N, C-alpha and C. Protein backbone atom coordinates (compact mmCIF):
# COMPACT_ATOMS: atom_id res chain seq x y z
N MET A 1 129.30 -18.97 -93.58
CA MET A 1 129.49 -19.61 -92.07
C MET A 1 129.85 -18.34 -91.17
N ASN A 2 129.38 -17.96 -90.10
CA ASN A 2 129.88 -17.00 -89.20
C ASN A 2 130.82 -17.53 -88.03
N SER A 3 131.99 -16.93 -88.47
CA SER A 3 132.90 -17.67 -87.15
C SER A 3 133.03 -16.88 -85.61
N GLU A 4 132.56 -15.92 -85.62
CA GLU A 4 132.83 -14.87 -84.78
C GLU A 4 131.91 -15.57 -83.40
N LEU A 5 132.44 -15.65 -82.41
CA LEU A 5 131.90 -15.93 -80.99
C LEU A 5 130.89 -14.96 -80.67
N PRO A 6 130.14 -15.37 -80.01
CA PRO A 6 129.20 -14.53 -79.47
C PRO A 6 129.61 -13.69 -78.49
N PRO A 7 129.38 -12.67 -77.88
CA PRO A 7 130.02 -11.79 -76.90
C PRO A 7 129.66 -12.53 -75.50
N ARG A 8 130.93 -12.40 -74.68
CA ARG A 8 130.93 -12.92 -73.42
C ARG A 8 129.91 -12.67 -72.48
N PHE A 9 129.52 -11.37 -72.69
CA PHE A 9 128.78 -10.39 -71.64
C PHE A 9 127.45 -10.14 -72.28
N ALA A 10 126.23 -10.17 -71.47
CA ALA A 10 125.15 -9.64 -72.06
C ALA A 10 124.26 -9.28 -71.01
N PRO A 11 123.47 -8.53 -71.20
CA PRO A 11 122.53 -8.08 -70.05
C PRO A 11 121.31 -9.36 -69.40
N LEU A 12 121.52 -9.10 -67.97
CA LEU A 12 120.76 -10.17 -67.67
C LEU A 12 119.36 -9.89 -67.44
N PRO A 13 118.45 -10.99 -67.34
CA PRO A 13 117.22 -10.55 -67.34
C PRO A 13 116.26 -9.60 -66.99
N VAL A 14 117.02 -9.89 -65.58
CA VAL A 14 116.33 -8.81 -64.61
C VAL A 14 117.24 -7.74 -64.29
N ARG A 15 116.66 -6.20 -64.54
CA ARG A 15 117.83 -5.16 -64.25
C ARG A 15 117.35 -4.41 -63.16
N LEU A 16 118.12 -3.87 -62.32
CA LEU A 16 118.01 -2.73 -61.30
C LEU A 16 118.59 -1.62 -61.57
N ARG A 17 117.77 -0.75 -60.99
CA ARG A 17 118.62 0.50 -60.80
C ARG A 17 119.75 0.57 -59.60
N PRO A 18 120.99 1.25 -60.06
CA PRO A 18 121.84 1.38 -58.66
C PRO A 18 121.51 2.49 -57.89
N GLY A 19 121.75 2.21 -56.38
CA GLY A 19 121.03 3.03 -55.70
C GLY A 19 122.39 4.26 -55.69
N LEU A 20 122.10 5.69 -55.66
CA LEU A 20 122.76 6.85 -55.56
C LEU A 20 123.75 6.55 -54.05
N GLY A 21 125.05 6.35 -53.99
CA GLY A 21 125.96 6.07 -53.09
C GLY A 21 126.03 4.66 -52.64
N GLU A 22 125.38 3.80 -53.62
CA GLU A 22 125.73 2.38 -53.30
C GLU A 22 127.20 1.92 -53.70
N SER A 23 127.57 0.82 -52.89
CA SER A 23 128.89 0.36 -53.50
C SER A 23 128.39 -0.78 -54.63
N ALA A 24 129.51 -1.05 -55.14
CA ALA A 24 129.43 -1.79 -56.34
C ALA A 24 129.31 -3.39 -55.72
N HIS A 25 129.94 -3.63 -54.31
CA HIS A 25 129.56 -5.02 -54.02
C HIS A 25 128.16 -5.17 -53.55
N SER A 26 127.49 -4.21 -53.18
CA SER A 26 126.37 -4.24 -52.52
C SER A 26 125.10 -4.07 -54.18
N TYR A 27 125.55 -3.53 -55.13
CA TYR A 27 125.03 -3.83 -56.40
C TYR A 27 124.93 -4.94 -57.08
N ILE A 28 126.16 -5.47 -56.94
CA ILE A 28 126.33 -6.69 -57.69
C ILE A 28 125.51 -7.84 -56.93
N ARG A 29 125.49 -7.47 -55.66
CA ARG A 29 124.92 -8.71 -54.56
C ARG A 29 123.25 -8.69 -54.98
N ARG A 30 122.69 -7.35 -55.04
CA ARG A 30 121.33 -7.20 -55.76
C ARG A 30 120.71 -7.71 -56.84
N LEU A 31 121.82 -7.48 -57.70
CA LEU A 31 121.52 -7.91 -59.14
C LEU A 31 121.87 -9.36 -59.47
N ALA A 32 122.63 -10.01 -58.62
CA ALA A 32 122.45 -11.44 -58.33
C ALA A 32 121.38 -12.17 -57.84
N ARG A 33 121.20 -11.71 -56.55
CA ARG A 33 119.67 -12.16 -56.04
C ARG A 33 118.49 -11.93 -56.96
N ALA A 34 118.20 -10.92 -57.54
CA ALA A 34 117.26 -10.52 -58.39
C ALA A 34 117.19 -11.69 -59.62
N ASN A 35 118.42 -12.02 -60.32
CA ASN A 35 118.25 -13.19 -61.09
C ASN A 35 118.65 -14.52 -60.68
N HIS A 36 118.69 -14.69 -59.63
CA HIS A 36 118.58 -16.24 -59.25
C HIS A 36 119.94 -16.71 -59.07
N LEU A 37 121.11 -15.84 -58.89
CA LEU A 37 122.35 -16.15 -58.94
C LEU A 37 123.35 -16.13 -57.82
N LYS A 38 124.47 -16.60 -57.46
CA LYS A 38 125.08 -16.37 -56.35
C LYS A 38 125.68 -15.37 -56.47
N PRO A 39 125.80 -14.31 -55.53
CA PRO A 39 126.63 -12.98 -55.54
C PRO A 39 128.13 -13.28 -55.76
N SER A 40 128.59 -14.32 -55.06
CA SER A 40 130.13 -14.67 -55.73
C SER A 40 130.36 -15.21 -57.24
N PHE A 41 129.30 -16.02 -57.27
CA PHE A 41 129.63 -16.51 -58.80
C PHE A 41 129.51 -15.11 -59.77
N LEU A 42 128.35 -14.22 -59.58
CA LEU A 42 128.73 -13.04 -60.49
C LEU A 42 129.63 -12.24 -60.43
N HIS A 43 130.23 -12.00 -59.23
CA HIS A 43 131.70 -11.20 -58.63
C HIS A 43 132.61 -11.84 -59.63
N CYS A 44 132.67 -13.00 -59.46
CA CYS A 44 133.96 -14.12 -60.11
C CYS A 44 133.75 -13.98 -61.98
N TYR A 45 132.68 -14.01 -62.25
CA TYR A 45 132.27 -13.73 -63.73
C TYR A 45 132.78 -12.37 -64.24
N LEU A 46 132.54 -11.54 -63.52
CA LEU A 46 132.49 -9.97 -64.02
C LEU A 46 134.07 -9.71 -63.90
N CYS A 47 134.97 -10.34 -63.22
CA CYS A 47 136.17 -10.16 -62.98
C CYS A 47 137.20 -10.89 -64.00
N GLY A 48 136.45 -12.60 -64.26
CA GLY A 48 137.31 -12.86 -65.08
C GLY A 48 138.55 -13.24 -64.78
N PRO A 49 139.31 -14.17 -65.79
CA PRO A 49 140.64 -14.94 -65.40
C PRO A 49 141.57 -13.74 -65.84
N PRO A 50 142.90 -13.59 -64.70
CA PRO A 50 143.30 -14.67 -63.93
C PRO A 50 142.67 -14.13 -62.45
N GLN A 51 142.27 -13.00 -62.56
CA GLN A 51 141.89 -11.81 -61.22
C GLN A 51 140.43 -12.36 -60.78
N TRP A 52 139.97 -13.75 -60.21
CA TRP A 52 138.78 -14.10 -60.19
C TRP A 52 138.15 -13.05 -59.05
N PHE A 53 139.10 -13.06 -58.29
CA PHE A 53 138.48 -12.61 -57.00
C PHE A 53 139.12 -10.87 -56.47
N GLY A 54 139.40 -10.36 -57.81
CA GLY A 54 139.63 -8.85 -57.75
C GLY A 54 138.58 -7.99 -58.00
N LYS A 55 138.70 -6.59 -58.71
CA LYS A 55 137.72 -6.04 -58.89
C LYS A 55 137.17 -6.06 -60.23
N PRO A 56 135.99 -6.25 -60.38
CA PRO A 56 135.11 -6.27 -61.64
C PRO A 56 135.59 -5.22 -62.29
N LEU A 57 135.28 -5.16 -63.69
CA LEU A 57 135.28 -4.21 -64.95
C LEU A 57 134.18 -3.35 -64.92
N LEU A 58 134.32 -2.18 -64.46
CA LEU A 58 133.21 -1.18 -64.86
C LEU A 58 132.52 -1.37 -66.18
N GLU A 59 132.99 -1.99 -67.42
CA GLU A 59 132.44 -2.20 -68.19
C GLU A 59 131.44 -3.30 -68.50
N ASN A 60 132.16 -4.34 -67.91
CA ASN A 60 131.28 -5.53 -67.75
C ASN A 60 130.12 -5.44 -66.93
N LEU A 61 130.07 -4.83 -65.82
CA LEU A 61 129.13 -4.95 -64.85
C LEU A 61 128.04 -3.75 -65.81
N ALA A 62 128.15 -2.70 -66.54
CA ALA A 62 127.46 -2.08 -66.92
C ALA A 62 126.62 -3.09 -68.14
N ILE A 63 127.19 -3.63 -68.69
CA ILE A 63 126.63 -4.51 -69.93
C ILE A 63 125.94 -5.77 -69.15
N VAL A 64 126.30 -6.57 -68.31
CA VAL A 64 125.21 -7.24 -67.65
C VAL A 64 124.06 -6.67 -66.81
N ALA A 65 124.28 -5.37 -66.30
CA ALA A 65 123.35 -4.59 -65.42
C ALA A 65 122.30 -3.70 -66.57
N GLY A 66 122.69 -3.51 -67.97
CA GLY A 66 121.74 -3.30 -68.88
C GLY A 66 122.08 -1.75 -68.53
N ARG A 67 122.78 -1.06 -68.11
CA ARG A 67 123.26 0.28 -67.67
C ARG A 67 124.33 0.81 -68.40
N SER A 68 124.62 2.17 -68.54
CA SER A 68 125.98 2.86 -69.48
C SER A 68 126.70 2.96 -68.18
N PRO A 69 128.20 2.84 -68.60
CA PRO A 69 129.21 2.88 -67.63
C PRO A 69 128.85 4.45 -66.87
N GLU A 70 128.68 5.27 -67.74
CA GLU A 70 128.53 6.70 -66.93
C GLU A 70 127.60 6.56 -66.26
N ALA A 71 126.41 6.09 -66.28
CA ALA A 71 125.42 6.09 -65.08
C ALA A 71 125.82 5.19 -64.10
N LEU A 72 126.60 4.30 -63.86
CA LEU A 72 127.13 3.26 -62.99
C LEU A 72 128.12 4.42 -62.08
N GLU A 73 129.07 5.08 -62.93
CA GLU A 73 130.16 6.24 -62.44
C GLU A 73 129.53 6.91 -61.50
N ARG A 74 128.30 7.68 -61.86
CA ARG A 74 127.52 8.73 -61.09
C ARG A 74 126.66 7.94 -59.85
N ALA A 75 126.26 6.80 -60.19
CA ALA A 75 125.81 6.27 -58.73
C ALA A 75 126.42 5.65 -57.90
N LEU A 76 127.17 4.80 -58.25
CA LEU A 76 128.21 4.17 -57.57
C LEU A 76 129.54 4.61 -56.36
N VAL A 77 129.55 4.82 -55.25
CA VAL A 77 130.50 5.24 -54.48
C VAL A 77 131.98 4.93 -54.87
N ASP A 78 132.21 3.53 -54.96
CA ASP A 78 133.52 3.29 -55.13
C ASP A 78 133.56 3.16 -57.02
N ALA A 79 133.18 3.56 -57.66
CA ALA A 79 133.00 3.26 -59.08
C ALA A 79 134.63 3.12 -59.62
N SER A 80 135.16 4.32 -59.08
CA SER A 80 136.56 4.84 -59.68
C SER A 80 137.68 3.82 -58.96
N THR A 81 137.32 2.92 -58.37
CA THR A 81 138.38 1.68 -57.85
C THR A 81 137.94 0.48 -58.76
N LEU A 82 136.93 0.46 -59.66
CA LEU A 82 136.63 -0.83 -60.44
C LEU A 82 137.90 -0.51 -61.44
N GLY A 83 138.11 -1.89 -62.25
CA GLY A 83 138.75 -1.97 -63.34
C GLY A 83 138.58 -1.39 -64.48
N GLY A 84 139.18 -0.66 -65.31
CA GLY A 84 138.57 -0.22 -66.39
C GLY A 84 138.22 1.36 -66.25
N THR A 85 138.36 2.12 -65.29
CA THR A 85 137.83 3.15 -65.07
C THR A 85 138.91 4.23 -64.86
N ASN A 86 139.20 5.29 -65.78
CA ASN A 86 140.33 6.01 -65.73
C ASN A 86 139.64 7.78 -66.09
N ARG A 87 138.52 7.99 -65.95
CA ARG A 87 137.91 9.05 -66.36
C ARG A 87 138.33 10.13 -65.45
N PRO A 88 138.84 11.21 -65.42
CA PRO A 88 139.06 12.47 -64.73
C PRO A 88 137.61 13.07 -64.20
N ARG A 89 137.88 13.43 -62.73
CA ARG A 89 136.42 13.83 -62.14
C ARG A 89 137.01 15.49 -61.70
N ARG A 90 135.97 16.34 -61.57
CA ARG A 90 136.35 17.70 -60.95
C ARG A 90 135.33 17.67 -59.94
N LEU A 91 136.32 18.31 -58.47
CA LEU A 91 135.16 18.51 -57.79
C LEU A 91 134.54 20.01 -57.56
N PRO A 92 133.20 20.15 -57.12
CA PRO A 92 132.52 21.65 -57.04
C PRO A 92 133.43 22.42 -56.22
N ARG A 93 133.39 23.50 -56.45
CA ARG A 93 134.16 24.89 -55.71
C ARG A 93 133.83 24.90 -54.58
N ARG A 94 132.97 24.57 -53.80
CA ARG A 94 132.62 24.76 -52.22
C ARG A 94 132.81 23.50 -51.79
N ASN A 95 133.57 23.36 -50.39
CA ASN A 95 133.71 22.13 -49.98
C ASN A 95 132.87 21.95 -48.72
N PRO A 96 131.64 21.59 -48.45
CA PRO A 96 130.85 21.58 -47.25
C PRO A 96 131.25 21.08 -46.05
N PHE A 97 132.33 20.42 -46.05
CA PHE A 97 132.98 19.52 -44.85
C PHE A 97 134.86 19.59 -44.70
N ALA A 98 134.78 20.98 -45.14
CA ALA A 98 136.34 21.39 -45.10
C ALA A 98 137.11 21.29 -43.55
N TRP A 99 135.83 21.64 -42.65
CA TRP A 99 136.09 21.17 -41.29
C TRP A 99 135.64 20.19 -40.44
N ARG A 100 135.18 19.38 -41.22
CA ARG A 100 134.62 18.16 -40.38
C ARG A 100 134.73 17.23 -41.71
N ARG A 101 135.99 16.65 -41.97
CA ARG A 101 136.34 15.57 -42.82
C ARG A 101 135.79 14.20 -42.33
N SER A 102 136.10 14.06 -40.66
CA SER A 102 135.38 12.76 -40.31
C SER A 102 133.95 12.45 -40.61
N LEU A 103 133.04 13.72 -40.90
CA LEU A 103 131.89 13.21 -41.07
C LEU A 103 131.26 12.91 -42.48
N SER A 104 132.35 13.58 -43.34
CA SER A 104 132.39 13.21 -44.83
C SER A 104 132.72 11.66 -44.97
N HIS A 105 133.80 11.20 -44.18
CA HIS A 105 133.83 9.59 -44.28
C HIS A 105 133.08 8.88 -43.70
N ARG A 106 132.39 9.21 -42.55
CA ARG A 106 131.51 8.31 -41.72
C ARG A 106 130.39 8.29 -42.67
N ILE A 107 129.85 9.40 -43.94
CA ILE A 107 128.71 9.27 -44.47
C ILE A 107 129.05 8.45 -45.74
N ALA A 108 130.36 8.41 -46.32
CA ALA A 108 130.69 7.31 -47.21
C ALA A 108 130.77 5.98 -46.74
N GLN A 109 131.43 5.78 -45.59
CA GLN A 109 131.27 4.38 -44.99
C GLN A 109 129.78 3.65 -44.99
N GLU A 110 128.98 4.82 -44.36
CA GLU A 110 127.56 4.21 -44.68
C GLU A 110 126.83 4.01 -45.71
N ALA A 111 127.14 4.73 -46.53
CA ALA A 111 126.75 4.65 -48.07
C ALA A 111 127.00 3.58 -48.55
N LEU A 112 128.50 2.98 -48.33
CA LEU A 112 128.97 1.43 -48.71
C LEU A 112 127.95 0.16 -48.05
N ARG A 113 127.51 0.62 -46.90
CA ARG A 113 126.61 -0.54 -46.42
C ARG A 113 125.41 -0.57 -46.94
N GLY A 114 125.14 0.35 -47.82
CA GLY A 114 123.53 0.58 -48.46
C GLY A 114 122.81 1.45 -48.01
N THR A 115 123.07 2.47 -47.00
CA THR A 115 122.56 3.43 -46.60
C THR A 115 122.07 4.30 -47.60
N GLN A 116 120.71 4.97 -48.13
CA GLN A 116 120.28 5.98 -49.17
C GLN A 116 120.67 7.16 -48.58
N VAL A 117 121.03 8.13 -49.71
CA VAL A 117 121.16 9.44 -49.68
C VAL A 117 120.33 10.21 -48.76
N ARG A 118 118.80 10.20 -49.23
CA ARG A 118 118.07 10.74 -48.19
C ARG A 118 118.16 10.47 -46.74
N THR A 119 118.63 9.18 -46.67
CA THR A 119 118.37 8.68 -45.12
C THR A 119 119.74 9.43 -44.40
N LEU A 120 120.70 9.36 -45.12
CA LEU A 120 122.06 10.13 -44.61
C LEU A 120 121.76 11.49 -44.61
N ALA A 121 120.92 12.05 -45.31
CA ALA A 121 120.75 13.62 -45.27
C ALA A 121 119.75 13.84 -43.79
N LYS A 122 118.82 13.01 -43.81
CA LYS A 122 118.09 13.36 -42.72
C LYS A 122 118.80 12.74 -41.40
N ARG A 123 119.83 11.82 -41.46
CA ARG A 123 120.35 11.75 -39.99
C ARG A 123 121.40 12.60 -39.65
N TYR A 124 121.94 13.32 -40.46
CA TYR A 124 123.18 14.24 -40.20
C TYR A 124 122.54 15.56 -40.54
N ASN A 125 121.25 15.89 -40.81
CA ASN A 125 120.66 17.43 -40.92
C ASN A 125 121.41 18.06 -42.11
N ILE A 126 121.81 17.45 -43.22
CA ILE A 126 122.46 18.15 -44.22
C ILE A 126 121.37 17.93 -45.27
N ARG A 127 121.73 18.68 -46.27
CA ARG A 127 121.17 18.83 -47.79
C ARG A 127 121.61 17.36 -48.58
N ASP A 128 120.44 16.90 -49.49
CA ASP A 128 120.93 15.84 -50.37
C ASP A 128 122.06 16.03 -51.11
N ARG A 129 122.23 17.15 -51.61
CA ARG A 129 123.44 17.56 -52.56
C ARG A 129 124.96 17.41 -51.65
N GLU A 130 124.71 17.87 -50.27
CA GLU A 130 125.83 17.65 -49.33
C GLU A 130 126.56 16.11 -49.18
N VAL A 131 125.12 15.46 -49.24
CA VAL A 131 125.64 13.99 -49.11
C VAL A 131 126.55 13.46 -50.76
N ARG A 132 125.76 14.05 -51.64
CA ARG A 132 126.37 13.61 -52.79
C ARG A 132 127.76 13.91 -52.99
N PHE A 133 127.97 15.17 -52.53
CA PHE A 133 129.35 15.87 -52.51
C PHE A 133 130.58 14.92 -51.53
N ALA A 134 129.84 14.31 -50.65
CA ALA A 134 130.79 13.67 -49.52
C ALA A 134 131.27 12.30 -50.67
N LEU A 135 130.02 11.98 -51.10
CA LEU A 135 130.41 10.59 -51.90
C LEU A 135 131.32 10.57 -52.79
N GLU A 136 131.02 11.77 -53.68
CA GLU A 136 131.78 12.05 -54.92
C GLU A 136 133.31 12.60 -54.46
N THR A 137 133.66 12.96 -53.25
CA THR A 137 135.02 13.28 -52.82
C THR A 137 135.69 11.87 -52.44
N THR A 138 134.83 10.88 -51.79
CA THR A 138 135.20 9.76 -51.47
C THR A 138 135.92 8.91 -52.90
N ARG A 139 134.82 9.28 -54.01
CA ARG A 139 135.44 8.29 -55.40
C ARG A 139 136.85 8.90 -55.76
N LEU A 140 136.97 10.20 -55.43
CA LEU A 140 138.28 11.02 -56.18
C LEU A 140 139.35 10.75 -55.10
N THR A 141 139.30 10.46 -53.91
CA THR A 141 140.14 10.29 -52.85
C THR A 141 140.44 8.44 -52.92
N THR A 142 139.42 7.83 -52.81
CA THR A 142 139.68 6.26 -52.33
C THR A 142 140.35 5.46 -53.22
N THR A 143 141.25 5.90 -54.41
CA THR A 143 142.45 5.24 -54.92
C THR A 143 143.87 5.70 -54.29
N VAL A 144 143.69 6.64 -53.52
CA VAL A 144 145.29 7.26 -53.12
C VAL A 144 144.77 6.79 -51.66
N THR A 145 143.76 6.97 -50.88
CA THR A 145 143.95 6.60 -49.40
C THR A 145 143.45 5.10 -49.31
N GLY A 146 143.30 4.36 -50.11
CA GLY A 146 143.15 2.87 -50.17
C GLY A 146 141.25 2.74 -49.94
N PRO A 147 140.91 1.43 -49.98
CA PRO A 147 139.78 0.90 -50.17
C PRO A 147 138.77 1.60 -48.76
N LEU A 148 137.39 1.84 -48.78
CA LEU A 148 137.08 2.21 -47.43
C LEU A 148 136.11 1.24 -47.12
N THR A 149 136.80 0.17 -46.13
CA THR A 149 136.23 -0.75 -45.51
C THR A 149 136.43 -0.86 -44.23
N ALA A 150 135.15 -1.32 -43.39
CA ALA A 150 135.61 -1.35 -42.07
C ALA A 150 136.24 -2.21 -41.89
N PRO A 151 137.14 -2.60 -40.53
CA PRO A 151 137.90 -3.44 -40.56
C PRO A 151 137.09 -4.83 -39.88
N VAL A 152 137.33 -6.21 -39.73
CA VAL A 152 136.95 -7.31 -39.49
C VAL A 152 137.09 -7.43 -38.13
N THR A 153 135.67 -7.03 -37.53
CA THR A 153 135.72 -6.86 -35.93
C THR A 153 134.23 -7.50 -35.74
N GLY A 154 133.79 -7.31 -34.36
CA GLY A 154 132.71 -8.11 -33.90
C GLY A 154 132.27 -9.29 -34.56
N GLU A 155 130.94 -9.43 -34.74
CA GLU A 155 129.98 -10.48 -35.15
C GLU A 155 131.06 -11.01 -36.58
N LEU A 156 131.59 -10.56 -37.42
CA LEU A 156 132.19 -11.06 -38.56
C LEU A 156 133.21 -11.44 -38.31
N ALA A 157 134.15 -11.00 -37.28
CA ALA A 157 135.16 -11.44 -36.86
C ALA A 157 134.98 -13.06 -36.22
N ASP A 158 133.87 -13.01 -35.59
CA ASP A 158 133.49 -14.25 -34.88
C ASP A 158 133.17 -15.20 -35.80
N LEU A 159 132.36 -14.86 -37.08
CA LEU A 159 131.93 -15.63 -38.06
C LEU A 159 133.35 -16.21 -38.72
N ILE A 160 134.21 -15.52 -39.46
CA ILE A 160 135.03 -15.88 -39.62
C ILE A 160 136.14 -17.02 -38.72
N GLU A 161 136.35 -16.35 -37.30
CA GLU A 161 136.72 -17.52 -36.61
C GLU A 161 135.99 -18.64 -36.51
N SER A 162 134.58 -18.86 -36.79
CA SER A 162 134.16 -20.22 -36.92
C SER A 162 134.69 -20.85 -38.14
N MET A 163 134.58 -20.16 -39.38
CA MET A 163 135.03 -20.97 -40.38
C MET A 163 136.38 -20.95 -40.65
N ILE A 164 137.13 -20.51 -39.91
CA ILE A 164 138.69 -21.33 -39.82
C ILE A 164 138.70 -22.59 -38.99
N SER A 165 137.88 -22.58 -37.96
CA SER A 165 137.80 -23.55 -37.06
C SER A 165 137.24 -24.89 -37.97
N ARG A 166 136.55 -24.60 -38.95
CA ARG A 166 136.19 -25.63 -40.12
C ARG A 166 136.99 -25.99 -41.00
N ARG A 167 138.41 -25.39 -40.99
CA ARG A 167 139.59 -25.59 -41.74
C ARG A 167 139.04 -24.90 -43.12
N LEU A 168 138.31 -24.10 -43.37
CA LEU A 168 137.99 -23.19 -44.70
C LEU A 168 139.05 -22.65 -45.08
N ASN A 169 139.31 -22.38 -46.49
CA ASN A 169 140.67 -21.65 -46.81
C ASN A 169 139.56 -20.04 -47.18
N GLY A 170 140.93 -19.31 -47.68
CA GLY A 170 140.31 -17.99 -47.96
C GLY A 170 138.77 -17.78 -48.77
N ARG A 171 139.41 -18.35 -49.91
CA ARG A 171 138.16 -18.50 -50.94
C ARG A 171 136.84 -19.02 -50.61
N GLN A 172 136.90 -20.23 -49.81
CA GLN A 172 135.67 -20.62 -49.19
C GLN A 172 135.24 -19.59 -48.78
N ILE A 173 136.00 -19.06 -47.51
CA ILE A 173 135.49 -18.10 -46.24
C ILE A 173 134.39 -17.04 -47.19
N TRP A 174 135.52 -16.35 -48.24
CA TRP A 174 134.85 -15.17 -48.91
C TRP A 174 133.54 -15.75 -49.56
N THR A 175 133.51 -16.80 -50.35
CA THR A 175 132.20 -17.30 -50.79
C THR A 175 131.36 -17.30 -49.86
N GLU A 176 131.42 -17.74 -48.72
CA GLU A 176 130.50 -18.19 -47.73
C GLU A 176 129.71 -17.17 -47.27
N LEU A 177 130.70 -16.13 -46.89
CA LEU A 177 130.49 -14.62 -46.15
C LEU A 177 129.52 -14.02 -47.42
N MET A 178 129.70 -14.10 -48.63
CA MET A 178 128.87 -13.17 -49.61
C MET A 178 127.93 -13.99 -50.00
N ASP A 179 127.58 -15.45 -50.15
CA ASP A 179 126.41 -15.99 -50.66
C ASP A 179 125.60 -16.53 -49.61
N ASP A 180 125.79 -16.87 -48.22
CA ASP A 180 125.14 -17.18 -47.34
C ASP A 180 124.90 -16.25 -45.87
N HIS A 181 125.73 -15.17 -46.03
CA HIS A 181 125.61 -14.01 -44.79
C HIS A 181 125.51 -12.71 -45.26
N ASP A 182 125.56 -12.47 -46.70
CA ASP A 182 125.48 -11.41 -47.09
C ASP A 182 126.38 -10.58 -46.49
N TYR A 183 127.46 -10.46 -46.12
CA TYR A 183 128.60 -9.66 -45.95
C TYR A 183 129.31 -8.96 -46.85
N LEU A 184 129.21 -7.63 -46.97
CA LEU A 184 130.07 -6.78 -48.06
C LEU A 184 131.65 -7.01 -47.19
N VAL A 185 132.18 -7.56 -47.80
CA VAL A 185 133.83 -8.03 -47.54
C VAL A 185 134.69 -8.25 -48.53
N THR A 186 135.94 -7.69 -48.82
CA THR A 186 136.69 -7.95 -50.10
C THR A 186 137.51 -9.41 -49.71
N TYR A 187 137.66 -9.82 -50.90
CA TYR A 187 138.47 -10.93 -50.41
C TYR A 187 140.15 -10.59 -49.67
N GLY A 188 140.46 -9.43 -50.19
CA GLY A 188 141.63 -9.15 -49.42
C GLY A 188 141.35 -8.60 -48.27
N SER A 189 140.52 -8.52 -47.83
CA SER A 189 140.24 -8.17 -46.18
C SER A 189 140.44 -9.55 -45.57
N VAL A 190 139.49 -10.60 -46.28
CA VAL A 190 139.66 -11.43 -45.57
C VAL A 190 140.95 -12.71 -45.64
N ARG A 191 141.91 -12.17 -46.64
CA ARG A 191 143.18 -12.77 -46.32
C ARG A 191 143.91 -12.08 -45.36
N HIS A 192 143.67 -10.70 -45.35
CA HIS A 192 144.57 -10.04 -44.22
C HIS A 192 143.90 -10.50 -42.93
N TYR A 193 142.82 -10.39 -42.69
CA TYR A 193 142.40 -11.45 -41.58
C TYR A 193 143.21 -12.75 -41.22
N LEU A 194 143.25 -13.40 -42.05
CA LEU A 194 143.67 -15.02 -41.96
C LEU A 194 145.25 -14.80 -41.77
N ARG A 195 145.81 -13.81 -42.12
CA ARG A 195 147.35 -13.53 -41.81
C ARG A 195 147.60 -13.25 -40.34
N TYR A 196 146.34 -12.43 -40.03
CA TYR A 196 146.11 -11.49 -38.62
C TYR A 196 146.37 -13.04 -37.60
N ALA A 197 145.33 -13.67 -37.86
CA ALA A 197 144.99 -14.92 -37.18
C ALA A 197 146.12 -15.89 -36.98
N ARG A 198 146.83 -16.30 -38.27
CA ARG A 198 147.94 -16.79 -38.14
C ARG A 198 149.14 -16.53 -37.28
N CYS A 199 149.40 -15.15 -37.19
CA CYS A 199 150.36 -14.69 -36.45
C CYS A 199 149.65 -14.98 -34.86
N ARG A 200 148.47 -14.33 -34.82
CA ARG A 200 148.21 -14.51 -33.36
C ARG A 200 148.01 -15.79 -32.61
N ARG A 201 147.95 -17.05 -33.35
CA ARG A 201 148.01 -18.60 -33.17
C ARG A 201 149.51 -19.01 -33.00
N ALA A 202 150.34 -18.28 -33.50
CA ALA A 202 151.46 -19.08 -33.82
C ALA A 202 152.42 -19.09 -32.26
N PRO A 203 152.44 -18.24 -31.44
CA PRO A 203 152.99 -18.41 -30.18
C PRO A 203 152.08 -19.47 -29.15
N ALA A 204 151.04 -19.65 -29.64
CA ALA A 204 150.22 -20.57 -28.78
C ALA A 204 150.70 -21.93 -29.34
N GLN A 205 150.57 -22.38 -30.51
CA GLN A 205 150.97 -23.28 -31.16
C GLN A 205 152.40 -23.63 -30.86
N ALA A 206 153.14 -22.50 -30.96
CA ALA A 206 154.85 -23.23 -30.41
C ALA A 206 154.70 -23.56 -28.78
N GLU A 207 153.87 -22.85 -28.10
CA GLU A 207 154.12 -23.16 -26.49
C GLU A 207 153.67 -24.92 -26.11
N ALA A 208 152.34 -25.11 -27.02
CA ALA A 208 151.73 -26.23 -26.90
C ALA A 208 153.04 -27.42 -27.54
N SER A 209 153.68 -27.26 -28.30
CA SER A 209 154.53 -27.93 -29.26
C SER A 209 155.67 -28.37 -28.40
N GLY A 210 156.35 -27.02 -27.51
CA GLY A 210 157.28 -27.24 -26.64
C GLY A 210 156.40 -28.29 -25.42
N ARG A 211 155.64 -27.95 -24.76
CA ARG A 211 155.18 -29.00 -23.85
C ARG A 211 154.84 -30.13 -24.21
N GLN A 212 154.41 -30.65 -25.62
CA GLN A 212 154.28 -32.02 -26.05
C GLN A 212 155.83 -32.64 -25.80
N GLN A 213 156.72 -31.91 -26.21
CA GLN A 213 158.32 -32.47 -26.43
C GLN A 213 158.99 -32.24 -25.07
N ILE A 214 158.42 -31.55 -24.12
CA ILE A 214 158.96 -31.68 -22.51
C ILE A 214 158.16 -33.09 -22.05
N ALA A 215 156.94 -33.43 -22.64
CA ALA A 215 156.29 -34.60 -22.29
C ALA A 215 157.11 -35.53 -22.43
N LEU A 216 157.40 -35.68 -23.60
CA LEU A 216 158.22 -37.10 -24.01
C LEU A 216 159.49 -37.21 -23.49
C-alpha cells in the first residue's frame, strides 16, 4: 500500500502564458478567471498557512500555471518579491534611463497594471528592449525600495470607504476588491488604509462623544 500523500499543488486545466512585464497579482487573477476560480481563493491557496494573505511562492505558482519558475521570473515584473526567489540577477552594461529614472519607474508602474511591452514602447517612443530593461531594473530594486503599488486614492479609496461603512474588515475588503472589482491591491495596502481611516475618524468620534456627554 502506498502511504505517500498526493502533491498539494498540480497544474490547473487551463494554462495561460504570462505577459512580459505583467505583475504576479494580474497573472494569478487571469489564471483564476480562466479556470473558474475566485482570484482571492487562488491567491490564498498559493500562499498557504499561516500567511494566507502574504506573497505566494514562485514555485507554487509555477506548478499550478504549468510553467517553469525561470519562465515566470523572466516575465513577471515583481517575480523577485515572491516567496522562494533568491536567484541573483545581473544588469546590462548600459542604462538607457540613467538621466530619467522617473520614466523607468512610471513604465514599471504601468506594467504592473497590465500594460504590455509593445504598448509602453510606442507610448514613450522607445524600443522594446528599453522597456524590458526598465522592468528588469525594477525587479532588482523592488525588494530594497518597497513594493511598486500606487497609493489608495480616487475611486479605489471611495470604494473602500463604502465597504468600511458596511462594517467589512480588512480581509473582507481585500477579498471583495479582488473578486468583484478586479482591483490589484495588496492586503498590506488595505490594512494601511484602514489604519489611516481610523486615525482620521478618531478626532471626529471624540468630538461627537464629548457633545453627547455635555448634552447629558
